Amino acid sequence: DKPKIARTELMNIDLSDMPGKIAHMYTLELAPGLMTPRHSHPGHYLVYVLEGTGIVEQDDRPTVHLSPGVSYYIHSPSVTPDSWHSVWNTSKTQPLKTLVVLINDKGQPGTVFDK
């Protein structure tokens, strides 16, 4: 049985010219029909859609419609994440697969879930 969300780490690297910062690169695959819980990513979160369709619903921002080739960026201050959002794979049959680059402070979590 495949996981509902599959994350494949591609790279984690200390950014030598940005002391205290780390970059993470990974693919993220959401199962058909899945909507993520409301969450945030402390730092700079850059996403490129590889496969599938979906939407990103973000507080106080327009909905982002996802399809192959679409990219989007979310910034949330590292200390207090405030760019809360959910991602919904709108397909009932195909996964939504993205390439993600996250730049944040060392020791900070990559994802924080809303309580």
PDB file of N, CA and C in Angstrom:
ATOM      1  N   ASP A   1       0.841  -1.188   0.000  1.00  0.00           N
ATOM      2  CA  ASP A   1       0.000   0.000   0.000  1.00  0.00           C
ATOM      3  C   ASP A   1       0.887   1.252   0.000  1.00  0.00           C
ATOM      4  N   LYS A   2       0.711   2.123  -0.992  1.00  0.00           N
ATOM      5  CA  LYS A   2       1.528   3.337  -1.106  1.00  0.00           C
ATOM      6  C   LYS A   2       1.112   4.370  -0.068  1.00  0.00           C
ATOM      7  N   PRO A   3       2.089   5.125   0.462  1.00  0.00           N
ATOM      8  CA  PRO A   3       1.740   6.191   1.403  1.00  0.00           C
ATOM      9  C   PRO A   3       0.939   7.295   0.698  1.00  0.00           C
ATOM     10  N   LYS A   4       0.122   8.001   1.469  1.00  0.00           N
ATOM     11  CA  LYS A   4      -0.688   9.098   0.913  1.00  0.00           C
ATOM     12  C   LYS A   4       0.177  10.269   0.460  1.00  0.00           C
ATOM     13  N   ILE A   5       1.285  10.500   1.195  1.00  0.00           N
ATOM     14  CA  ILE A   5       2.256  11.532   0.830  1.00  0.00           C
ATOM     15  C   ILE A   5       3.629  10.871   0.826  1.00  0.00           C
ATOM     16  N   ALA A   6       4.305  10.925  -0.313  1.00  0.00           N
ATOM     17  CA  ALA A   6       5.636  10.325  -0.422  1.00  0.00           C
ATOM     18  C   ALA A   6       6.656  11.438  -0.663  1.00  0.00           C
ATOM     19  N   ARG A   7       7.666  11.492   0.198  1.00  0.00           N
ATOM     20  CA  ARG A   7       8.720  12.497   0.084  1.00  0.00           C
ATOM     21  C   ARG A   7      10.023  11.771  -0.209  1.00  0.00           C
ATOM     22  N   THR A   8      10.703  12.189  -1.270  1.00  0.00           N
ATOM     23  CA  THR A   8      11.989  11.604  -1.648  1.00  0.00           C
ATOM     24  C   THR A   8      13.066  12.677  -1.562  1.00  0.00           C
ATOM     25  N   GLU A   9      13.957  12.528  -0.589  1.00  0.00           N
ATOM     26  CA  GLU A   9      15.042  13.492  -0.394  1.00  0.00           C
ATOM     27  C   GLU A   9      16.030  13.405  -1.554  1.00  0.00           C
ATOM     28  N   LEU A  10      16.376  14.544  -2.126  1.00  0.00           N
ATOM     29  CA  LEU A  10      17.369  14.604  -3.188  1.00  0.00           C
ATOM     30  C   LEU A  10      18.663  15.252  -2.711  1.00  0.00           C
ATOM     31  N   MET A  11      18.542  16.253  -1.822  1.00  0.00           N
ATOM     32  CA  MET A  11      19.726  16.964  -1.359  1.00  0.00           C
ATOM     33  C   MET A  11      19.412  17.749  -0.096  1.00  0.00           C
ATOM     34  N   ASN A  12      20.342  17.764   0.834  1.00  0.00           N
ATOM     35  CA  ASN A  12      20.344  18.653   1.999  1.00  0.00           C
ATOM     36  C   ASN A  12      21.746  19.230   2.070  1.00  0.00           C
ATOM     37  N   ILE A  13      21.861  20.556   2.074  1.00  0.00           N
ATOM     38  CA  ILE A  13      23.194  21.153   2.036  1.00  0.00           C
ATOM     39  C   ILE A  13      23.231  22.427   2.871  1.00  0.00           C
ATOM     40  N   ASP A  14      24.314  22.568   3.643  1.00  0.00           N
ATOM     41  CA  ASP A  14      24.552  23.828   4.346  1.00  0.00           C
ATOM     42  C   ASP A  14      24.932  24.882   3.313  1.00  0.00           C
ATOM     43  N   LEU A  15      24.354  26.067   3.454  1.00  0.00           N
ATOM     44  CA  LEU A  15      24.659  27.154   2.520  1.00  0.00           C
ATOM     45  C   LEU A  15      25.802  27.978   3.101  1.00  0.00           C
ATOM     46  N   SER A  16      27.008  27.733   2.622  1.00  0.00           N
ATOM     47  CA  SER A  16      28.207  28.326   3.214  1.00  0.00           C
ATOM     48  C   SER A  16      28.219  29.850   3.130  1.00  0.00           C
ATOM     49  N   ASP A  17      27.574  30.429   2.118  1.00  0.00           N
ATOM     50  CA  ASP A  17      27.562  31.887   2.014  1.00  0.00           C
ATOM     51  C   ASP A  17      26.370  32.512   2.741  1.00  0.00           C
ATOM     52  N   MET A  18      25.564  31.670   3.391  1.00  0.00           N
ATOM     53  CA  MET A  18      24.430  32.131   4.194  1.00  0.00           C
ATOM     54  C   MET A  18      24.501  31.415   5.548  1.00  0.00           C
ATOM     55  N   PRO A  19      25.362  31.877   6.452  1.00  0.00           N
ATOM     56  CA  PRO A  19      25.550  31.175   7.726  1.00  0.00           C
ATOM     57  C   PRO A  19      24.235  30.907   8.451  1.00  0.00           C
ATOM     58  N   GLY A  20      24.109  29.668   8.941  1.00  0.00           N
ATOM     59  CA  GLY A  20      22.924  29.270   9.690  1.00  0.00           C
ATOM     60  C   GLY A  20      21.769  28.799   8.821  1.00  0.00           C
ATOM     61  N   LYS A  21      21.938  28.838   7.501  1.00  0.00           N
ATOM     62  CA  LYS A  21      20.870  28.428   6.589  1.00  0.00           C
ATOM     63  C   LYS A  21      21.190  27.077   5.953  1.00  0.00           C
ATOM     64  N   ILE A  22      20.126  26.330   5.653  1.00  0.00           N
ATOM     65  CA  ILE A  22      20.260  25.030   5.012  1.00  0.00           C
ATOM     66  C   ILE A  22      19.244  24.951   3.870  1.00  0.00           C
ATOM     67  N   ALA A  23      19.614  24.262   2.801  1.00  0.00           N
ATOM     68  CA  ALA A  23      18.699  24.064   1.672  1.00  0.00           C
ATOM     69  C   ALA A  23      18.338  22.589   1.584  1.00  0.00           C
ATOM     70  N   HIS A  24      17.066  22.316   1.360  1.00  0.00           N
ATOM     71  CA  HIS A  24      16.552  20.960   1.192  1.00  0.00           C
ATOM     72  C   HIS A  24      15.942  20.886  -0.202  1.00  0.00           C
ATOM     73  N   MET A  25      16.219  19.828  -0.940  1.00  0.00           N
ATOM     74  CA  MET A  25      15.570  19.594  -2.222  1.00  0.00           C
ATOM     75  C   MET A  25      14.966  18.204  -2.188  1.00  0.00           C
ATOM     76  N   TYR A  26      13.687  18.098  -2.565  1.00  0.00           N
ATOM     77  CA  TYR A  26      13.016  16.798  -2.536  1.00  0.00           C
ATOM     78  C   TYR A  26      11.836  16.801  -3.499  1.00  0.00           C
ATOM     79  N   THR A  27      11.403  15.604  -3.851  1.00  0.00           N
ATOM     80  CA  THR A  27      10.135  15.490  -4.570  1.00  0.00           C
ATOM     81  C   THR A  27       9.075  15.143  -3.547  1.00  0.00           C
ATOM     82  N   LEU A  28       7.866  15.599  -3.826  1.00  0.00           N
ATOM     83  CA  LEU A  28       6.730  15.332  -2.957  1.00  0.00           C
ATOM     84  C   LEU A  28       5.596  14.840  -3.842  1.00  0.00           C
ATOM     85  N   GLU A  29       5.038  13.691  -3.488  1.00  0.00           N
ATOM     86  CA  GLU A  29       3.948  13.112  -4.268  1.00  0.00           C
ATOM     87  C   GLU A  29       2.724  12.932  -3.376  1.00  0.00           C
ATOM     88  N   LEU A  30       1.604  13.528  -3.799  1.00  0.00           N
ATOM     89  CA  LEU A  30       0.337  13.413  -3.072  1.00  0.00           C
ATOM     90  C   LEU A  30      -0.571  12.454  -3.818  1.00  0.00           C
ATOM     91  N   ALA A  31      -1.192  11.565  -3.085  1.00  0.00           N
ATOM     92  CA  ALA A  31      -2.104  10.575  -3.661  1.00  0.00           C
ATOM     93  C   ALA A  31      -3.321  11.270  -4.279  1.00  0.00           C
ATOM     94  N   PRO A  32      -3.976  10.618  -5.244  1.00  0.00           N
ATOM     95  CA  PRO A  32      -5.175  11.182  -5.858  1.00  0.00           C
ATOM     96  C   PRO A  32      -6.229  11.556  -4.809  1.00  0.00           C
ATOM     97  N   GLY A  33      -6.790  12.764  -4.965  1.00  0.00           N
ATOM     98  CA  GLY A  33      -7.854  13.226  -4.087  1.00  0.00           C
ATOM     99  C   GLY A  33      -7.416  13.734  -2.728  1.00  0.00           C
ATOM    100  N   LEU A  34      -6.141  13.621  -2.392  1.00  0.00           N
ATOM    101  CA  LEU A  34      -5.661  13.998  -1.053  1.00  0.00           C
ATOM    102  C   LEU A  34      -5.638  15.513  -0.866  1.00  0.00           C
ATOM    103  N   MET A  35      -6.092  15.967   0.305  1.00  0.00           N
ATOM    104  CA  MET A  35      -5.901  17.350   0.726  1.00  0.00           C
ATOM    105  C   MET A  35      -5.058  17.327   1.986  1.00  0.00           C
ATOM    106  N   THR A  36      -3.976  18.088   1.989  1.00  0.00           N
ATOM    107  CA  THR A  36      -3.088  18.115   3.154  1.00  0.00           C
ATOM    108  C   THR A  36      -3.745  18.891   4.293  1.00  0.00           C
ATOM    109  N   PRO A  37      -3.358  18.589   5.524  1.00  0.00           N
ATOM    110  CA  PRO A  37      -3.790  19.440   6.638  1.00  0.00           C
ATOM    111  C   PRO A  37      -3.191  20.845   6.453  1.00  0.00           C
ATOM    112  N   ARG A  38      -3.813  21.837   7.063  1.00  0.00           N
ATOM    113  CA  ARG A  38      -3.307  23.215   7.020  1.00  0.00           C
ATOM    114  C   ARG A  38      -1.931  23.240   7.677  1.00  0.00           C
ATOM    115  N   HIS A  39      -0.963  23.839   6.969  1.00  0.00           N
ATOM    116  CA  HIS A  39       0.409  23.820   7.460  1.00  0.00           C
ATOM    117  C   HIS A  39       1.188  25.018   6.922  1.00  0.00           C
ATOM    118  N   SER A  40       2.428  25.147   7.376  1.00  0.00           N
ATOM    119  CA  SER A  40       3.320  26.211   6.930  1.00  0.00           C
ATOM    120  C   SER A  40       4.733  25.645   6.838  1.00  0.00           C
ATOM    121  N   HIS A  41       5.590  26.359   6.107  1.00  0.00           N
ATOM    122  CA  HIS A  41       6.996  25.974   5.967  1.00  0.00           C
ATOM    123  C   HIS A  41       7.846  27.163   6.385  1.00  0.00           C
ATOM    124  N   PRO A  42       8.472  27.117   7.566  1.00  0.00           N
ATOM    125  CA  PRO A  42       9.304  28.237   7.988  1.00  0.00           C
ATOM    126  C   PRO A  42      10.485  28.419   7.033  1.00  0.00           C
ATOM    127  N   GLY A  43      10.542  29.542   6.369  1.00  0.00           N
ATOM    128  CA  GLY A  43      11.634  29.823   5.439  1.00  0.00           C
ATOM    129  C   GLY A  43      11.101  30.142   4.053  1.00  0.00           C
ATOM    130  N   HIS A  44      11.914  29.854   3.053  1.00  0.00           N
ATOM    131  CA  HIS A  44      11.580  30.097   1.652  1.00  0.00           C
ATOM    132  C   HIS A  44      11.247  28.757   1.009  1.00  0.00           C
ATOM    133  N   TYR A  45      10.050  28.643   0.441  1.00  0.00           N
ATOM    134  CA  TYR A  45       9.527  27.376  -0.083  1.00  0.00           C
ATOM    135  C   TYR A  45       9.210  27.577  -1.559  1.00  0.00           C
ATOM    136  N   LEU A  46       9.988  26.923  -2.435  1.00  0.00           N
ATOM    137  CA  LEU A  46       9.819  27.045  -3.881  1.00  0.00           C
ATOM    138  C   LEU A  46       9.370  25.705  -4.435  1.00  0.00           C
ATOM    139  N   VAL A  47       8.339  25.723  -5.265  1.00  0.00           N
ATOM    140  CA  VAL A  47       7.736  24.488  -5.757  1.00  0.00           C
ATOM    141  C   VAL A  47       7.585  24.543  -7.278  1.00  0.00           C
ATOM    142  N   TYR A  48       7.876  23.431  -7.931  1.00  0.00           N
ATOM    143  CA  TYR A  48       7.670  23.268  -9.370  1.00  0.00           C
ATOM    144  C   TYR A  48       6.859  21.988  -9.570  1.00  0.00           C
ATOM    145  N   VAL A  49       5.748  22.081 -10.310  1.00  0.00           N
ATOM    146  CA  VAL A  49       4.869  20.925 -10.522  1.00  0.00           C
ATOM    147  C   VAL A  49       5.420  20.074 -11.673  1.00  0.00           C
ATOM    148  N   LEU A  50       5.678  18.796 -11.357  1.00  0.00           N
ATOM    149  CA  LEU A  50       6.178  17.847 -12.350  1.00  0.00           C
ATOM    150  C   LEU A  50       5.041  17.097 -13.040  1.00  0.00           C
ATOM    151  N   GLU A  51       4.059  16.659 -12.254  1.00  0.00           N
ATOM    152  CA  GLU A  51       2.946  15.854 -12.784  1.00  0.00           C
ATOM    153  C   GLU A  51       1.687  16.159 -11.995  1.00  0.00           C
ATOM    154  N   GLY A  52       0.540  16.031 -12.671  1.00  0.00           N
ATOM    155  CA  GLY A  52      -0.744  16.102 -11.988  1.00  0.00           C
ATOM    156  C   GLY A  52      -1.348  17.489 -11.939  1.00  0.00           C
ATOM    157  N   THR A  53      -2.472  17.571 -11.225  1.00  0.00           N
ATOM    158  CA  THR A  53      -3.199  18.829 -11.082  1.00  0.00           C
ATOM    159  C   THR A  53      -3.636  19.002  -9.633  1.00  0.00           C
ATOM    160  N   GLY A  54      -3.814  20.241  -9.246  1.00  0.00           N
ATOM    161  CA  GLY A  54      -4.263  20.512  -7.885  1.00  0.00           C
ATOM    162  C   GLY A  54      -4.410  21.992  -7.648  1.00  0.00           C
ATOM    163  N   ILE A  55      -4.642  22.340  -6.391  1.00  0.00           N
ATOM    164  CA  ILE A  55      -4.724  23.737  -5.996  1.00  0.00           C
ATOM    165  C   ILE A  55      -4.021  23.931  -4.656  1.00  0.00           C
ATOM    166  N   VAL A  56      -3.546  25.163  -4.454  1.00  0.00           N
ATOM    167  CA  VAL A  56      -2.994  25.582  -3.169  1.00  0.00           C
ATOM    168  C   VAL A  56      -3.915  26.672  -2.654  1.00  0.00           C
ATOM    169  N   GLU A  57      -4.473  26.451  -1.475  1.00  0.00           N
ATOM    170  CA  GLU A  57      -5.308  27.451  -0.820  1.00  0.00           C
ATOM    171  C   GLU A  57      -4.497  28.034   0.315  1.00  0.00           C
ATOM    172  N   GLN A  58      -4.172  29.334   0.197  1.00  0.00           N
ATOM    173  CA  GLN A  58      -3.311  30.002   1.164  1.00  0.00           C
ATOM    174  C   GLN A  58      -4.052  31.192   1.764  1.00  0.00           C
ATOM    175  N   ASP A  59      -3.898  31.368   3.082  1.00  0.00           N
ATOM    176  CA  ASP A  59      -4.555  32.480   3.770  1.00  0.00           C
ATOM    177  C   ASP A  59      -4.254  33.806   3.077  1.00  0.00           C
ATOM    178  N   ASP A  60      -5.305  34.584   2.831  1.00  0.00           N
ATOM    179  CA  ASP A  60      -5.179  35.956   2.322  1.00  0.00           C
ATOM    180  C   ASP A  60      -4.438  36.070   0.992  1.00  0.00           C
ATOM    181  N   ARG A  61      -4.424  35.010   0.218  1.00  0.00           N
ATOM    182  CA  ARG A  61      -3.780  35.056  -1.099  1.00  0.00           C
ATOM    183  C   ARG A  61      -4.678  34.330  -2.095  1.00  0.00           C
ATOM    184  N   PRO A  62      -4.545  34.671  -3.381  1.00  0.00           N
ATOM    185  CA  PRO A  62      -5.352  33.970  -4.382  1.00  0.00           C
ATOM    186  C   PRO A  62      -4.995  32.477  -4.441  1.00  0.00           C
ATOM    187  N   THR A  63      -5.976  31.667  -4.796  1.00  0.00           N
ATOM    188  CA  THR A  63      -5.757  30.235  -4.996  1.00  0.00           C
ATOM    189  C   THR A  63      -4.770  30.041  -6.148  1.00  0.00           C
ATOM    190  N   VAL A  64      -3.827  29.106  -5.972  1.00  0.00           N
ATOM    191  CA  VAL A  64      -2.874  28.776  -7.033  1.00  0.00           C
ATOM    192  C   VAL A  64      -3.340  27.468  -7.670  1.00  0.00           C
ATOM    193  N   HIS A  65      -3.527  27.482  -8.984  1.00  0.00           N
ATOM    194  CA  HIS A  65      -3.938  26.286  -9.722  1.00  0.00           C
ATOM    195  C   HIS A  65      -2.691  25.582 -10.227  1.00  0.00           C
ATOM    196  N   LEU A  66      -2.570  24.301  -9.893  1.00  0.00           N
ATOM    197  CA  LEU A  66      -1.373  23.537 -10.194  1.00  0.00           C
ATOM    198  C   LEU A  66      -1.571  22.634 -11.405  1.00  0.00           C
ATOM    199  N   SER A  67      -0.573  22.619 -12.269  1.00  0.00           N
ATOM    200  CA  SER A  67      -0.504  21.703 -13.405  1.00  0.00           C
ATOM    201  C   SER A  67       0.966  21.637 -13.808  1.00  0.00           C
ATOM    202  N   PRO A  68       1.367  20.653 -14.619  1.00  0.00           N
ATOM    203  CA  PRO A  68       2.780  20.520 -14.972  1.00  0.00           C
ATOM    204  C   PRO A  68       3.353  21.832 -15.528  1.00  0.00           C
ATOM    205  N   GLY A  69       4.520  22.200 -14.997  1.00  0.00           N
ATOM    206  CA  GLY A  69       5.202  23.411 -15.426  1.00  0.00           C
ATOM    207  C   GLY A  69       4.908  24.635 -14.583  1.00  0.00           C
ATOM    208  N   VAL A  70       3.910  24.570 -13.703  1.00  0.00           N
ATOM    209  CA  VAL A  70       3.571  25.697 -12.834  1.00  0.00           C
ATOM    210  C   VAL A  70       4.544  25.731 -11.652  1.00  0.00           C
ATOM    211  N   SER A  71       4.980  26.925 -11.287  1.00  0.00           N
ATOM    212  CA  SER A  71       5.812  27.063 -10.091  1.00  0.00           C
ATOM    213  C   SER A  71       5.178  28.105  -9.179  1.00  0.00           C
ATOM    214  N   TYR A  72       5.465  27.991  -7.890  1.00  0.00           N
ATOM    215  CA  TYR A  72       4.993  28.986  -6.935  1.00  0.00           C
ATOM    216  C   TYR A  72       5.967  29.081  -5.781  1.00  0.00           C
ATOM    217  N   TYR A  73       5.844  30.169  -5.028  1.00  0.00           N
ATOM    218  CA  TYR A  73       6.773  30.484  -3.944  1.00  0.00           C
ATOM    219  C   TYR A  73       5.967  30.930  -2.729  1.00  0.00           C
ATOM    220  N   ILE A  74       6.344  30.409  -1.572  1.00  0.00           N
ATOM    221  CA  ILE A  74       5.744  30.834  -0.312  1.00  0.00           C
ATOM    222  C   ILE A  74       6.882  31.195   0.631  1.00  0.00           C
ATOM    223  N   HIS A  75       6.783  32.361   1.256  1.00  0.00           N
ATOM    224  CA  HIS A  75       7.777  32.753   2.263  1.00  0.00           C
ATOM    225  C   HIS A  75       7.076  32.925   3.589  1.00  0.00           C
ATOM    226  N   SER A  76       7.655  32.332   4.604  1.00  0.00           N
ATOM    227  CA  SER A  76       7.152  32.481   5.954  1.00  0.00           C
ATOM    228  C   SER A  76       8.348  32.725   6.860  1.00  0.00           C
ATOM    229  N   PRO A  77       8.293  33.766   7.699  1.00  0.00           N
ATOM    230  CA  PRO A  77       9.423  34.014   8.590  1.00  0.00           C
ATOM    231  C   PRO A  77       9.792  32.752   9.369  1.00  0.00           C
ATOM    232  N   SER A  78      11.072  32.491   9.477  1.00  0.00           N
ATOM    233  CA  SER A  78      11.543  31.251  10.101  1.00  0.00           C
ATOM    234  C   SER A  78      11.131  31.112  11.556  1.00  0.00           C
ATOM    235  N   VAL A  79      11.055  32.207  12.282  1.00  0.00           N
ATOM    236  CA  VAL A  79      10.773  32.114  13.703  1.00  0.00           C
ATOM    237  C   VAL A  79       9.300  31.830  13.965  1.00  0.00           C
ATOM    238  N   THR A  80       8.399  32.501  13.273  1.00  0.00           N
ATOM    239  CA  THR A  80       6.964  32.303  13.475  1.00  0.00           C
ATOM    240  C   THR A  80       6.290  32.078  12.129  1.00  0.00           C
ATOM    241  N   PRO A  81       6.098  30.823  11.728  1.00  0.00           N
ATOM    242  CA  PRO A  81       5.484  30.566  10.430  1.00  0.00           C
ATOM    243  C   PRO A  81       4.088  31.173  10.355  1.00  0.00           C
ATOM    244  N   ASP A  82       3.815  31.865   9.262  1.00  0.00           N
ATOM    245  CA  ASP A  82       2.507  32.517   9.157  1.00  0.00           C
ATOM    246  C   ASP A  82       1.850  32.366   7.792  1.00  0.00           C
ATOM    247  N   SER A  83       2.459  31.674   6.874  1.00  0.00           N
ATOM    248  CA  SER A  83       1.849  31.482   5.556  1.00  0.00           C
ATOM    249  C   SER A  83       1.158  30.126   5.526  1.00  0.00           C
ATOM    250  N   TRP A  84       0.030  30.029   6.238  1.00  0.00           N
ATOM    251  CA  TRP A  84      -0.692  28.769   6.359  1.00  0.00           C
ATOM    252  C   TRP A  84      -1.382  28.444   5.046  1.00  0.00           C
ATOM    253  N   HIS A  85      -1.346  27.173   4.666  1.00  0.00           N
ATOM    254  CA  HIS A  85      -1.959  26.747   3.411  1.00  0.00           C
ATOM    255  C   HIS A  85      -2.264  25.256   3.436  1.00  0.00           C
ATOM    256  N   SER A  86      -3.080  24.839   2.465  1.00  0.00           N
ATOM    257  CA  SER A  86      -3.369  23.426   2.211  1.00  0.00           C
ATOM    258  C   SER A  86      -3.187  23.186   0.725  1.00  0.00           C
ATOM    259  N   VAL A  87      -2.801  21.965   0.385  1.00  0.00           N
ATOM    260  CA  VAL A  87      -2.649  21.577  -1.014  1.00  0.00           C
ATOM    261  C   VAL A  87      -3.622  20.436  -1.272  1.00  0.00           C
ATOM    262  N   TRP A  88      -4.338  20.524  -2.385  1.00  0.00           N
ATOM    263  CA  TRP A  88      -5.327  19.525  -2.740  1.00  0.00           C
ATOM    264  C   TRP A  88      -5.004  18.964  -4.107  1.00  0.00           C
ATOM    265  N   ASN A  89      -4.809  17.643  -4.171  1.00  0.00           N
ATOM    266  CA  ASN A  89      -4.674  16.959  -5.455  1.00  0.00           C
ATOM    267  C   ASN A  89      -6.096  16.779  -5.982  1.00  0.00           C
ATOM    268  N   THR A  90      -6.435  17.544  -7.014  1.00  0.00           N
ATOM    269  CA  THR A  90      -7.810  17.550  -7.520  1.00  0.00           C
ATOM    270  C   THR A  90      -8.130  16.360  -8.416  1.00  0.00           C
ATOM    271  N   SER A  91      -7.123  15.577  -8.796  1.00  0.00           N
ATOM    272  CA  SER A  91      -7.375  14.395  -9.619  1.00  0.00           C
ATOM    273  C   SER A  91      -7.835  13.229  -8.747  1.00  0.00           C
ATOM    274  N   LYS A  92      -8.770  12.463  -9.252  1.00  0.00           N
ATOM    275  CA  LYS A  92      -9.211  11.265  -8.537  1.00  0.00           C
ATOM    276  C   LYS A  92      -8.406  10.033  -8.941  1.00  0.00           C
ATOM    277  N   THR A  93      -7.539  10.180  -9.976  1.00  0.00           N
ATOM    278  CA  THR A  93      -6.815   9.011 -10.498  1.00  0.00           C
ATOM    279  C   THR A  93      -5.298   9.175 -10.568  1.00  0.00           C
ATOM    280  N   GLN A  94      -4.803  10.414 -10.646  1.00  0.00           N
ATOM    281  CA  GLN A  94      -3.370  10.636 -10.845  1.00  0.00           C
ATOM    282  C   GLN A  94      -2.733  11.298  -9.627  1.00  0.00           C
ATOM    283  N   PRO A  95      -1.483  10.932  -9.302  1.00  0.00           N
ATOM    284  CA  PRO A  95      -0.785  11.618  -8.209  1.00  0.00           C
ATOM    285  C   PRO A  95      -0.414  13.045  -8.619  1.00  0.00           C
ATOM    286  N   LEU A  96      -0.194  13.886  -7.645  1.00  0.00           N
ATOM    287  CA  LEU A  96       0.345  15.231  -7.846  1.00  0.00           C
ATOM    288  C   LEU A  96       1.794  15.173  -7.383  1.00  0.00           C
ATOM    289  N   LYS A  97       2.736  15.415  -8.300  1.00  0.00           N
ATOM    290  CA  LYS A  97       4.148  15.299  -7.964  1.00  0.00           C
ATOM    291  C   LYS A  97       4.839  16.637  -8.198  1.00  0.00           C
ATOM    292  N   THR A  98       5.581  17.087  -7.178  1.00  0.00           N
ATOM    293  CA  THR A  98       6.271  18.374  -7.250  1.00  0.00           C
ATOM    294  C   THR A  98       7.743  18.219  -6.877  1.00  0.00           C
ATOM    295  N   LEU A  99       8.532  19.162  -7.353  1.00  0.00           N
ATOM    296  CA  LEU A  99       9.921  19.316  -6.930  1.00  0.00           C
ATOM    297  C   LEU A  99       9.943  20.511  -5.996  1.00  0.00           C
ATOM    298  N   VAL A 100      10.508  20.338  -4.807  1.00  0.00           N
ATOM    299  CA  VAL A 100      10.497  21.377  -3.777  1.00  0.00           C
ATOM    300  C   VAL A 100      11.916  21.745  -3.389  1.00  0.00           C
ATOM    301  N   VAL A 101      12.155  23.055  -3.220  1.00  0.00           N
ATOM    302  CA  VAL A 101      13.380  23.557  -2.610  1.00  0.00           C
ATOM    303  C   VAL A 101      12.950  24.395  -1.417  1.00  0.00           C
ATOM    304  N   LEU A 102      13.447  24.037  -0.240  1.00  0.00           N
ATOM    305  CA  LEU A 102      13.157  24.773   0.989  1.00  0.00           C
ATOM    306  C   LEU A 102      14.469  25.286   1.554  1.00  0.00           C
ATOM    307  N   ILE A 103      14.536  26.597   1.801  1.00  0.00           N
ATOM    308  CA  ILE A 103      15.702  27.208   2.446  1.00  0.00           C
ATOM    309  C   ILE A 103      15.218  27.753   3.779  1.00  0.00           C
ATOM    310  N   ASN A 104      15.807  27.222   4.856  1.00  0.00           N
ATOM    311  CA  ASN A 104      15.390  27.690   6.179  1.00  0.00           C
ATOM    312  C   ASN A 104      16.562  27.650   7.150  1.00  0.00           C
ATOM    313  N   ASP A 105      16.292  28.045   8.396  1.00  0.00           N
ATOM    314  CA  ASP A 105      17.322  28.050   9.429  1.00  0.00           C
ATOM    315  C   ASP A 105      17.633  26.627   9.859  1.00  0.00           C
ATOM    316  N   LYS A 106      18.912  26.353  10.101  1.00  0.00           N
ATOM    317  CA  LYS A 106      19.290  25.048  10.641  1.00  0.00           C
ATOM    318  C   LYS A 106      18.511  24.814  11.928  1.00  0.00           C
ATOM    319  N   GLY A 107      18.022  23.598  12.084  1.00  0.00           N
ATOM    320  CA  GLY A 107      17.294  23.238  13.285  1.00  0.00           C
ATOM    321  C   GLY A 107      15.808  23.519  13.225  1.00  0.00           C
ATOM    322  N   GLN A 108      15.350  24.310  12.253  1.00  0.00           N
ATOM    323  CA  GLN A 108      13.927  24.576  12.099  1.00  0.00           C
ATOM    324  C   GLN A 108      13.272  23.384  11.404  1.00  0.00           C
ATOM    325  N   PRO A 109      12.038  23.075  11.731  1.00  0.00           N
ATOM    326  CA  PRO A 109      11.346  22.013  11.004  1.00  0.00           C
ATOM    327  C   PRO A 109      11.025  22.472   9.589  1.00  0.00           C
ATOM    328  N   GLY A 110      10.912  21.534   8.667  1.00  0.00           N
ATOM    329  CA  GLY A 110      10.545  21.869   7.295  1.00  0.00           C
ATOM    330  C   GLY A 110       9.064  22.177   7.164  1.00  0.00           C
ATOM    331  N   THR A 111       8.260  21.558   8.014  1.00  0.00           N
ATOM    332  CA  THR A 111       6.808  21.757   7.984  1.00  0.00           C
ATOM    333  C   THR A 111       6.284  21.875   9.405  1.00  0.00           C
ATOM    334  N   VAL A 112       5.362  22.824   9.598  1.00  0.00           N
ATOM    335  CA  VAL A 112       4.693  23.001  10.881  1.00  0.00           C
ATOM    336  C   VAL A 112       3.195  22.906  10.612  1.00  0.00           C
ATOM    337  N   PHE A 113       2.498  22.027  11.343  1.00  0.00           N
ATOM    338  CA  PHE A 113       1.066  21.849  11.148  1.00  0.00           C
ATOM    339  C   PHE A 113       0.280  22.762  12.082  1.00  0.00           C
ATOM    340  N   ASP A 114      -0.831  23.316  11.572  1.00  0.00           N
ATOM    341  CA  ASP A 114      -1.700  24.188  12.345  1.00  0.00           C
ATOM    342  C   ASP A 114      -2.349  23.366  13.454  1.00  0.00           C
ATOM    343  N   LYS A 115      -2.554  23.965  14.595  1.00  0.00           N
ATOM    344  CA  LYS A 115      -3.120  23.236  15.735  1.00  0.00           C
ATOM    345  C   LYS A 115      -4.613  23.290  15.724  1.00  0.00           C
TER     346      LYS A 115
END
